[in-house]
Amino acid sequence: MGSMNAAAMAEAVGEGQVALRPALHWHLTANIFPPVPVSMVDVCAAAVEAAAEGDWALDIELPDGVTYRGATTAPATAIVDNYHLGFFVEAEVFGDEQS
């Protein structure tokens, strides 16, 4: 588990072999310990997409019952950092260049 698996999965996303959301589902539930609830998949996808577009400060709404520093939103940068999504951001940024 860990960064090598995340890098490989992100590479598969960048090459169009796996869609982003299923890859994030796998990453959050099987590659991070303890596993992250599936309710965070869309949040993480939004953070990856925002970061890939350069909007690292975008506030993203969190699922019911989840807070970040007492707020119901979190900046894309915090989500990417906290859930180890950097490889997925790179895949989104460079994935189009693969085609």
Protein backbone atom coordinates (compact mmCIF):
# COMPACT_ATOMS: atom_id res chain seq x y z
CA MET A 1 0.00 0.00 0.00
CA GLY A 2 1.01 3.60 -0.19
CA SER A 3 2.48 6.03 -2.59
CA MET A 4 3.76 3.53 -5.16
CA ASN A 5 0.28 2.07 -5.59
CA ALA A 6 -1.25 5.54 -5.74
CA ALA A 7 1.28 6.56 -8.40
CA ALA A 8 0.48 3.47 -10.47
CA MET A 9 -3.27 4.02 -10.21
CA ALA A 10 -2.90 7.70 -11.05
CA GLU A 11 -0.81 6.77 -14.07
CA ALA A 12 -3.62 4.46 -15.21
CA VAL A 13 -6.02 7.40 -14.85
CA GLY A 14 -3.70 9.65 -16.87
CA GLU A 15 -3.49 7.04 -19.61
CA GLY A 16 -7.28 6.67 -19.74
CA GLN A 17 -7.28 3.07 -18.48
CA VAL A 18 -9.30 3.88 -15.34
CA ALA A 19 -11.74 6.72 -14.66
CA LEU A 20 -10.86 9.16 -11.88
CA ARG A 21 -13.72 8.37 -9.49
CA PRO A 22 -13.26 4.57 -9.44
CA ALA A 23 -9.52 5.12 -8.96
CA LEU A 24 -10.18 7.45 -6.05
CA HIS A 25 -12.66 4.97 -4.57
CA TRP A 26 -9.93 2.33 -4.60
CA HIS A 27 -7.33 4.74 -3.21
CA LEU A 28 -9.51 5.95 -0.34
CA THR A 29 -10.83 2.53 0.69
CA ALA A 30 -7.89 0.21 -0.03
CA ASN A 31 -4.74 2.30 -0.19
CA ILE A 32 -5.15 4.53 2.86
CA PHE A 33 -5.29 3.28 6.43
CA PRO A 34 -7.62 3.66 8.07
CA PRO A 35 -9.93 3.60 5.05
CA VAL A 36 -11.72 6.82 4.17
CA PRO A 37 -15.54 6.75 3.80
CA VAL A 38 -16.81 6.44 0.24
CA SER A 39 -18.75 9.68 0.76
CA MET A 40 -15.42 11.48 0.21
CA VAL A 41 -14.90 10.20 -3.38
CA ASP A 42 -16.76 13.11 -5.03
CA VAL A 43 -15.08 15.60 -2.69
CA CYS A 44 -11.65 14.24 -3.60
CA ALA A 45 -12.51 14.23 -7.31
CA ALA A 46 -13.57 17.88 -7.08
CA ALA A 47 -10.33 18.74 -5.28
CA VAL A 48 -8.20 16.91 -7.85
CA GLU A 49 -10.00 18.62 -10.73
CA ALA A 50 -9.73 22.07 -9.10
CA ALA A 51 -6.03 21.60 -8.34
CA ALA A 52 -5.34 20.37 -11.86
CA GLU A 53 -6.89 23.61 -13.12
CA GLY A 54 -4.70 25.60 -10.72
CA ASP A 55 -7.53 26.52 -8.34
CA TRP A 56 -5.90 25.17 -5.17
CA ALA A 57 -7.85 27.59 -2.95
CA LEU A 58 -11.31 26.51 -4.14
CA ASP A 59 -13.54 25.73 -1.15
CA ILE A 60 -15.25 22.38 -1.62
CA GLU A 61 -18.40 21.39 0.26
CA LEU A 62 -17.90 18.41 2.54
CA PRO A 63 -20.45 15.61 3.10
CA ASP A 64 -22.86 15.79 6.02
CA GLY A 65 -21.09 15.17 9.30
CA VAL A 66 -17.61 15.96 7.95
CA THR A 67 -15.84 19.18 8.90
CA TYR A 68 -12.45 20.72 8.30
CA ARG A 69 -11.25 22.96 11.11
CA GLY A 70 -14.86 23.41 12.17
CA ALA A 71 -16.11 24.37 8.70
CA THR A 72 -18.31 22.45 6.28
CA THR A 73 -15.96 23.27 3.40
CA ALA A 74 -12.27 22.69 2.82
CA PRO A 75 -9.84 24.17 0.29
CA ALA A 76 -8.76 21.87 -2.52
CA THR A 77 -5.16 22.06 -1.30
CA ALA A 78 -6.08 20.65 2.12
CA ILE A 79 -8.05 17.79 0.59
CA VAL A 80 -5.23 16.92 -1.83
CA ASP A 81 -2.68 17.01 0.98
CA ASN A 82 -4.70 15.17 3.61
CA TYR A 83 -5.78 12.34 1.32
CA HIS A 84 -2.47 11.99 -0.55
CA LEU A 85 -3.91 12.90 -3.96
CA GLY A 86 -0.89 14.59 -5.54
CA PHE A 87 -0.32 11.81 -8.05
CA PHE A 88 -3.93 12.11 -9.20
CA VAL A 89 -3.53 15.86 -9.73
CA GLU A 90 -0.47 15.19 -11.88
CA ALA A 91 -2.43 12.58 -13.87
CA GLU A 92 -5.21 15.10 -14.52
CA VAL A 93 -2.73 17.80 -15.54
CA PHE A 94 -0.65 15.60 -17.83
CA GLY A 95 -3.24 13.00 -18.87
CA ASP A 96 -4.43 15.00 -21.88
CA GLU A 97 -0.87 15.18 -23.17
CA GLN A 98 -0.76 11.37 -23.33
CA SER A 99 -3.33 11.23 -26.17
